[in-house]
Amino acid sequence: MLLNIIKPSGWTSFDVVKKIRGITKHKKVGHAGTLDPFATGVLIVGTQKDTKVLNKISSSFKIYDAILELGKSTDTLDIDGKIICEKNIPILDIEKIELVLKSFKGKSTQIPPMFSAKKVNGRRLYQLARKGISVKRNPNEIYIKKIELLDYTKPYISFRVECSKGTYIRVLGKEIAEKLSTVGFLISLNRIQVGNYKLSNSLSIEKFEKEWKY
């Protein structure tokens, strides 16, 4: 069984997997493409024999809507972290912001953040980061297919991005802010599509549980 579930903010992706396992009583349950705890949106969950196709789904292009707050940065690059830096925001216009966003289109590399679920030498990076330990991370090759500005109301930039597997939108937000001569962190991240699976067709956990029972 493949499920298109809306991950709530504050839940880890594994929290969703555990919940679905509890509802369905299926022993084998997994997900395609981890979402950060603060993030929301499409999380594809597979159970039983359908866990075999999760890797293929995870490799699909994904679309996100994000809100970047300029002028401050956090240790996690998102709203869950501690503010570690503040910097003035220069005078910006739509044309300047759109030019910077377009500069990220195409192939590039990106270093995974320390606060992430990626494993290095068998350890989750966030586990090390919480102890104040930073280790060398190899860059990922990523591809940004589309990126567009949705709105700019100082200090917030809203943008939509379609990107490959392995792209960290938090890191992208940080890099956008740097190209605009300031700092920034994500206050919102919503995944609206994974491959052909869209948010408009997603089920909340509550609705899935109700429908499964009845």
C-alpha atoms as a PDB file:
ATOM      1  CA  MET A   1       0.000   0.000   0.000  1.00  0.00           C
ATOM      2  CA  LEU A   2       1.263   3.451  -0.967  1.00  0.00           C
ATOM      3  CA  LEU A   3      -0.074   6.442   0.946  1.00  0.00           C
ATOM      4  CA  ASN A   4       0.180  10.149   0.166  1.00  0.00           C
ATOM      5  CA  ILE A   5       0.190  11.588   3.682  1.00  0.00           C
ATOM      6  CA  ILE A   6       0.366  15.214   4.855  1.00  0.00           C
ATOM      7  CA  LYS A   7       3.187  15.429   7.388  1.00  0.00           C
ATOM      8  CA  PRO A   8       2.243  17.816  10.196  1.00  0.00           C
ATOM      9  CA  SER A   9       4.687  20.389  11.533  1.00  0.00           C
ATOM     10  CA  GLY A  10       6.481  19.186  14.653  1.00  0.00           C
ATOM     11  CA  TRP A  11       6.488  15.540  13.586  1.00  0.00           C
ATOM     12  CA  THR A  12       9.538  13.729  12.272  1.00  0.00           C
ATOM     13  CA  SER A  13       9.063  11.636   9.148  1.00  0.00           C
ATOM     14  CA  PHE A  14       9.638   8.550  11.308  1.00  0.00           C
ATOM     15  CA  ASP A  15       6.853   9.714  13.665  1.00  0.00           C
ATOM     16  CA  VAL A  16       4.497   9.435  10.678  1.00  0.00           C
ATOM     17  CA  VAL A  17       5.839   5.969   9.829  1.00  0.00           C
ATOM     18  CA  LYS A  18       5.277   4.819  13.426  1.00  0.00           C
ATOM     19  CA  LYS A  19       1.737   6.219  13.421  1.00  0.00           C
ATOM     20  CA  ILE A  20       0.841   4.487  10.137  1.00  0.00           C
ATOM     21  CA  ARG A  21       2.341   1.242  11.429  1.00  0.00           C
ATOM     22  CA  GLY A  22       0.191   1.548  14.547  1.00  0.00           C
ATOM     23  CA  ILE A  23      -2.966   2.219  12.530  1.00  0.00           C
ATOM     24  CA  THR A  24      -2.498  -0.488   9.898  1.00  0.00           C
ATOM     25  CA  LYS A  25      -0.681  -3.067  12.065  1.00  0.00           C
ATOM     26  CA  HIS A  26       1.573  -3.684   9.052  1.00  0.00           C
ATOM     27  CA  LYS A  27       5.084  -4.754  10.069  1.00  0.00           C
ATOM     28  CA  LYS A  28       6.948  -3.254   7.107  1.00  0.00           C
ATOM     29  CA  VAL A  29       6.428   0.505   6.792  1.00  0.00           C
ATOM     30  CA  GLY A  30       8.778   3.129   5.326  1.00  0.00           C
ATOM     31  CA  HIS A  31       8.772   6.546   3.700  1.00  0.00           C
ATOM     32  CA  ALA A  32      10.230   8.235   0.620  1.00  0.00           C
ATOM     33  CA  GLY A  33      12.218  11.420   1.225  1.00  0.00           C
ATOM     34  CA  THR A  34      12.717  12.758   4.738  1.00  0.00           C
ATOM     35  CA  LEU A  35      11.066  16.025   5.752  1.00  0.00           C
ATOM     36  CA  ASP A  36      12.494  18.147   8.574  1.00  0.00           C
ATOM     37  CA  PRO A  37      10.375  18.270  11.757  1.00  0.00           C
ATOM     38  CA  PHE A  38       9.309  21.902  11.146  1.00  0.00           C
ATOM     39  CA  ALA A  39       8.340  21.144   7.531  1.00  0.00           C
ATOM     40  CA  THR A  40       4.928  20.072   6.284  1.00  0.00           C
ATOM     41  CA  GLY A  41       3.479  18.507   3.175  1.00  0.00           C
ATOM     42  CA  VAL A  42       3.677  15.434   1.004  1.00  0.00           C
ATOM     43  CA  LEU A  43       5.241  12.362   2.608  1.00  0.00           C
ATOM     44  CA  ILE A  44       4.870   9.134   0.667  1.00  0.00           C
ATOM     45  CA  VAL A  45       4.535   6.161   2.986  1.00  0.00           C
ATOM     46  CA  GLY A  46       4.739   2.563   1.784  1.00  0.00           C
ATOM     47  CA  THR A  47       3.766  -0.600   3.593  1.00  0.00           C
ATOM     48  CA  GLN A  48       4.468  -4.285   3.066  1.00  0.00           C
ATOM     49  CA  LYS A  49       5.647  -5.118  -0.496  1.00  0.00           C
ATOM     50  CA  ASP A  50       5.251  -1.481  -1.619  1.00  0.00           C
ATOM     51  CA  THR A  51       8.230  -0.432   0.510  1.00  0.00           C
ATOM     52  CA  LYS A  52      10.314  -1.738  -2.411  1.00  0.00           C
ATOM     53  CA  VAL A  53       9.336   1.195  -4.637  1.00  0.00           C
ATOM     54  CA  LEU A  54      10.068   3.914  -2.063  1.00  0.00           C
ATOM     55  CA  ASN A  55      13.653   4.439  -3.266  1.00  0.00           C
ATOM     56  CA  LYS A  56      12.425   5.102  -6.808  1.00  0.00           C
ATOM     57  CA  ILE A  57       9.802   7.573  -5.540  1.00  0.00           C
ATOM     58  CA  SER A  58      12.401   9.265  -3.331  1.00  0.00           C
ATOM     59  CA  SER A  59      14.553   9.890  -6.424  1.00  0.00           C
ATOM     60  CA  SER A  60      11.748  11.869  -8.091  1.00  0.00           C
ATOM     61  CA  PHE A  61      11.860  15.644  -8.440  1.00  0.00           C
ATOM     62  CA  LYS A  62      10.147  17.476  -5.598  1.00  0.00           C
ATOM     63  CA  ILE A  63       8.418  20.863  -5.359  1.00  0.00           C
ATOM     64  CA  TYR A  64       8.524  23.023  -2.242  1.00  0.00           C
ATOM     65  CA  ASP A  65       7.048  26.320  -1.125  1.00  0.00           C
ATOM     66  CA  ALA A  66       9.322  28.080   1.349  1.00  0.00           C
ATOM     67  CA  ILE A  67       9.405  31.312   3.334  1.00  0.00           C
ATOM     68  CA  LEU A  68      12.830  32.766   4.080  1.00  0.00           C
ATOM     69  CA  GLU A  69      13.287  35.378   6.795  1.00  0.00           C
ATOM     70  CA  LEU A  70      16.166  37.736   6.053  1.00  0.00           C
ATOM     71  CA  GLY A  71      18.372  39.500   8.588  1.00  0.00           C
ATOM     72  CA  LYS A  72      18.835  36.636  11.039  1.00  0.00           C
ATOM     73  CA  SER A  73      20.324  33.143  10.922  1.00  0.00           C
ATOM     74  CA  THR A  74      19.942  30.120  13.183  1.00  0.00           C
ATOM     75  CA  ASP A  75      22.171  27.153  13.911  1.00  0.00           C
ATOM     76  CA  THR A  76      19.687  24.778  12.236  1.00  0.00           C
ATOM     77  CA  LEU A  77      18.927  27.139   9.326  1.00  0.00           C
ATOM     78  CA  ASP A  78      15.233  26.931  10.255  1.00  0.00           C
ATOM     79  CA  ILE A  79      12.753  28.222  12.817  1.00  0.00           C
ATOM     80  CA  ASP A  80      13.557  25.419  15.297  1.00  0.00           C
ATOM     81  CA  GLY A  81      17.098  26.664  15.875  1.00  0.00           C
ATOM     82  CA  LYS A  82      18.771  29.327  17.985  1.00  0.00           C
ATOM     83  CA  ILE A  83      19.572  32.722  16.473  1.00  0.00           C
ATOM     84  CA  ILE A  84      23.334  32.896  16.033  1.00  0.00           C
ATOM     85  CA  CYS A  85      23.740  35.929  13.778  1.00  0.00           C
ATOM     86  CA  GLU A  86      21.965  39.130  12.774  1.00  0.00           C
ATOM     87  CA  LYS A  87      22.767  41.352   9.820  1.00  0.00           C
ATOM     88  CA  ASN A  88      21.227  44.359   8.126  1.00  0.00           C
ATOM     89  CA  ILE A  89      19.004  43.764   5.123  1.00  0.00           C
ATOM     90  CA  PRO A  90      20.026  45.840   2.112  1.00  0.00           C
ATOM     91  CA  ILE A  91      17.476  47.655  -0.023  1.00  0.00           C
ATOM     92  CA  LEU A  92      16.034  44.984  -2.305  1.00  0.00           C
ATOM     93  CA  ASP A  93      13.633  45.028  -5.207  1.00  0.00           C
ATOM     94  CA  ILE A  94      11.782  42.229  -7.000  1.00  0.00           C
ATOM     95  CA  GLU A  95      14.135  42.300  -9.978  1.00  0.00           C
ATOM     96  CA  LYS A  96      17.222  41.840  -7.777  1.00  0.00           C
ATOM     97  CA  ILE A  97      15.672  38.948  -5.853  1.00  0.00           C
ATOM     98  CA  GLU A  98      14.473  37.199  -9.013  1.00  0.00           C
ATOM     99  CA  LEU A  99      17.955  37.529 -10.531  1.00  0.00           C
ATOM    100  CA  VAL A 100      19.511  35.876  -7.462  1.00  0.00           C
ATOM    101  CA  LEU A 101      16.933  33.063  -7.456  1.00  0.00           C
ATOM    102  CA  LYS A 102      17.548  32.344 -11.153  1.00  0.00           C
ATOM    103  CA  SER A 103      21.282  32.037 -10.463  1.00  0.00           C
ATOM    104  CA  PHE A 104      20.586  28.783  -8.616  1.00  0.00           C
ATOM    105  CA  LYS A 105      18.971  27.049 -11.599  1.00  0.00           C
ATOM    106  CA  GLY A 106      20.756  24.033 -13.031  1.00  0.00           C
ATOM    107  CA  LYS A 107      23.454  21.758 -11.639  1.00  0.00           C
ATOM    108  CA  SER A 108      25.421  22.665  -8.526  1.00  0.00           C
ATOM    109  CA  THR A 109      26.760  21.162  -5.332  1.00  0.00           C
ATOM    110  CA  GLN A 110      25.549  21.590  -1.798  1.00  0.00           C
ATOM    111  CA  ILE A 111      27.091  20.615   1.554  1.00  0.00           C
ATOM    112  CA  PRO A 112      24.520  18.911   3.825  1.00  0.00           C
ATOM    113  CA  PRO A 113      23.855  20.852   7.049  1.00  0.00           C
ATOM    114  CA  MET A 114      25.022  19.461  10.376  1.00  0.00           C
ATOM    115  CA  PHE A 115      21.439  19.482  11.605  1.00  0.00           C
ATOM    116  CA  SER A 116      20.218  16.799   9.196  1.00  0.00           C
ATOM    117  CA  ALA A 117      19.352  13.093   9.218  1.00  0.00           C
ATOM    118  CA  LYS A 118      22.231  12.266   6.862  1.00  0.00           C
ATOM    119  CA  LYS A 119      24.647   9.650   8.202  1.00  0.00           C
ATOM    120  CA  VAL A 120      28.427  10.101   8.336  1.00  0.00           C
ATOM    121  CA  ASN A 121      30.409   7.119   9.617  1.00  0.00           C
ATOM    122  CA  GLY A 122      27.201   5.530  10.871  1.00  0.00           C
ATOM    123  CA  ARG A 123      26.103   8.545  12.931  1.00  0.00           C
ATOM    124  CA  ARG A 124      23.235  10.899  12.181  1.00  0.00           C
ATOM    125  CA  LEU A 125      24.617  14.395  11.712  1.00  0.00           C
ATOM    126  CA  TYR A 126      21.996  15.989  13.966  1.00  0.00           C
ATOM    127  CA  GLN A 127      23.103  13.704  16.820  1.00  0.00           C
ATOM    128  CA  LEU A 128      26.634  15.090  16.514  1.00  0.00           C
ATOM    129  CA  ALA A 129      25.411  18.664  16.039  1.00  0.00           C
ATOM    130  CA  ARG A 130      23.438  18.528  19.283  1.00  0.00           C
ATOM    131  CA  LYS A 131      26.710  17.739  21.063  1.00  0.00           C
ATOM    132  CA  GLY A 132      28.417  20.693  19.400  1.00  0.00           C
ATOM    133  CA  ILE A 133      30.438  18.433  17.103  1.00  0.00           C
ATOM    134  CA  SER A 134      30.984  19.399  13.472  1.00  0.00           C
ATOM    135  CA  VAL A 135      32.410  16.918  10.964  1.00  0.00           C
ATOM    136  CA  LYS A 136      33.458  17.113   7.324  1.00  0.00           C
ATOM    137  CA  ARG A 137      30.599  16.460   4.905  1.00  0.00           C
ATOM    138  CA  ASN A 138      31.006  15.627   1.244  1.00  0.00           C
ATOM    139  CA  PRO A 139      29.033  17.873  -1.104  1.00  0.00           C
ATOM    140  CA  ASN A 140      25.953  16.528  -2.894  1.00  0.00           C
ATOM    141  CA  GLU A 141      25.417  17.158  -6.582  1.00  0.00           C
ATOM    142  CA  ILE A 142      21.952  18.687  -6.961  1.00  0.00           C
ATOM    143  CA  TYR A 143      19.808  20.014  -9.771  1.00  0.00           C
ATOM    144  CA  ILE A 144      17.310  22.859  -9.505  1.00  0.00           C
ATOM    145  CA  LYS A 145      14.839  22.632 -12.366  1.00  0.00           C
ATOM    146  CA  LYS A 146      12.717  25.681 -11.531  1.00  0.00           C
ATOM    147  CA  ILE A 147      12.790  28.414  -8.905  1.00  0.00           C
ATOM    148  CA  GLU A 148      10.446  31.385  -8.714  1.00  0.00           C
ATOM    149  CA  LEU A 149       9.667  34.263  -6.415  1.00  0.00           C
ATOM    150  CA  LEU A 150       6.152  34.170  -4.979  1.00  0.00           C
ATOM    151  CA  ASP A 151       6.330  37.286  -2.809  1.00  0.00           C
ATOM    152  CA  TYR A 152       8.681  39.700  -1.066  1.00  0.00           C
ATOM    153  CA  THR A 153       7.482  41.634   1.934  1.00  0.00           C
ATOM    154  CA  LYS A 154      10.492  42.678   3.964  1.00  0.00           C
ATOM    155  CA  PRO A 155      11.981  40.682   5.686  1.00  0.00           C
ATOM    156  CA  TYR A 156      10.221  37.665   4.117  1.00  0.00           C
ATOM    157  CA  ILE A 157      10.914  36.055   0.744  1.00  0.00           C
ATOM    158  CA  SER A 158       8.402  33.428  -0.387  1.00  0.00           C
ATOM    159  CA  PHE A 159       9.623  31.181  -3.185  1.00  0.00           C
ATOM    160  CA  ARG A 160       8.822  27.913  -4.950  1.00  0.00           C
ATOM    161  CA  VAL A 161      11.484  25.464  -6.064  1.00  0.00           C
ATOM    162  CA  GLU A 162      11.459  22.242  -8.061  1.00  0.00           C
ATOM    163  CA  CYS A 163      14.592  20.255  -7.330  1.00  0.00           C
ATOM    164  CA  SER A 164      16.332  16.898  -7.320  1.00  0.00           C
ATOM    165  CA  LYS A 165      16.797  14.428  -4.506  1.00  0.00           C
ATOM    166  CA  GLY A 166      19.418  15.527  -1.986  1.00  0.00           C
ATOM    167  CA  THR A 167      18.580  19.241  -2.143  1.00  0.00           C
ATOM    168  CA  TYR A 168      18.341  20.920   1.260  1.00  0.00           C
ATOM    169  CA  ILE A 169      15.987  23.889   0.996  1.00  0.00           C
ATOM    170  CA  ARG A 170      17.358  25.231   4.308  1.00  0.00           C
ATOM    171  CA  VAL A 171      20.818  25.432   2.752  1.00  0.00           C
ATOM    172  CA  LEU A 172      19.360  26.984  -0.383  1.00  0.00           C
ATOM    173  CA  GLY A 173      17.656  29.623   1.771  1.00  0.00           C
ATOM    174  CA  LYS A 174      20.954  30.406   3.501  1.00  0.00           C
ATOM    175  CA  GLU A 175      22.728  30.739   0.147  1.00  0.00           C
ATOM    176  CA  ILE A 176      19.989  32.986  -1.284  1.00  0.00           C
ATOM    177  CA  ALA A 177      20.341  35.298   1.723  1.00  0.00           C
ATOM    178  CA  GLU A 178      24.130  35.389   1.322  1.00  0.00           C
ATOM    179  CA  LYS A 179      23.832  36.347  -2.358  1.00  0.00           C
ATOM    180  CA  LEU A 180      21.550  39.176  -1.229  1.00  0.00           C
ATOM    181  CA  SER A 181      24.351  40.352   1.131  1.00  0.00           C
ATOM    182  CA  THR A 182      22.608  39.332   4.340  1.00  0.00           C
ATOM    183  CA  VAL A 183      21.727  36.206   6.339  1.00  0.00           C
ATOM    184  CA  GLY A 184      18.520  34.207   6.598  1.00  0.00           C
ATOM    185  CA  PHE A 185      16.687  31.110   7.771  1.00  0.00           C
ATOM    186  CA  LEU A 186      13.523  29.268   6.780  1.00  0.00           C
ATOM    187  CA  ILE A 187      10.411  29.922   8.841  1.00  0.00           C
ATOM    188  CA  SER A 188       8.183  27.709   6.686  1.00  0.00           C
ATOM    189  CA  LEU A 189       8.675  24.774   4.318  1.00  0.00           C
ATOM    190  CA  ASN A 190       5.835  22.947   2.608  1.00  0.00           C
ATOM    191  CA  ARG A 191       6.424  20.101   0.144  1.00  0.00           C
ATOM    192  CA  ILE A 192       3.629  20.307  -2.399  1.00  0.00           C
ATOM    193  CA  GLN A 193       4.685  17.537  -4.778  1.00  0.00           C
ATOM    194  CA  VAL A 194       6.858  14.389  -4.954  1.00  0.00           C
ATOM    195  CA  GLY A 195       7.012  13.024  -8.488  1.00  0.00           C
ATOM    196  CA  ASN A 196       3.359  12.645  -9.507  1.00  0.00           C
ATOM    197  CA  TYR A 197       2.062  12.762  -5.931  1.00  0.00           C
ATOM    198  CA  LYS A 198       0.495  16.142  -5.133  1.00  0.00           C
ATOM    199  CA  LEU A 199      -0.513  17.859  -1.911  1.00  0.00           C
ATOM    200  CA  SER A 200      -4.010  18.370  -3.310  1.00  0.00           C
ATOM    201  CA  ASN A 201      -4.460  14.580  -3.221  1.00  0.00           C
ATOM    202  CA  SER A 202      -2.860  14.053   0.206  1.00  0.00           C
ATOM    203  CA  LEU A 203      -4.602  12.647   3.270  1.00  0.00           C
ATOM    204  CA  SER A 204      -4.169  13.975   6.775  1.00  0.00           C
ATOM    205  CA  ILE A 205      -3.200  11.341   9.322  1.00  0.00           C
ATOM    206  CA  GLU A 206      -6.519  11.898  11.095  1.00  0.00           C
ATOM    207  CA  LYS A 207      -8.537  11.330   7.914  1.00  0.00           C
ATOM    208  CA  PHE A 208      -6.523   8.225   7.017  1.00  0.00           C
ATOM    209  CA  GLU A 209      -7.052   6.782  10.501  1.00  0.00           C
ATOM    210  CA  LYS A 210     -10.791   7.431  10.329  1.00  0.00           C
ATOM    211  CA  GLU A 211     -11.114   5.888   6.875  1.00  0.00           C
ATOM    212  CA  TRP A 212      -8.963   2.892   7.827  1.00  0.00           C
ATOM    213  CA  LYS A 213     -11.136   2.109  10.840  1.00  0.00           C
ATOM    214  CA  TYR A 214     -14.434   2.512   9.062  1.00  0.00           C
END
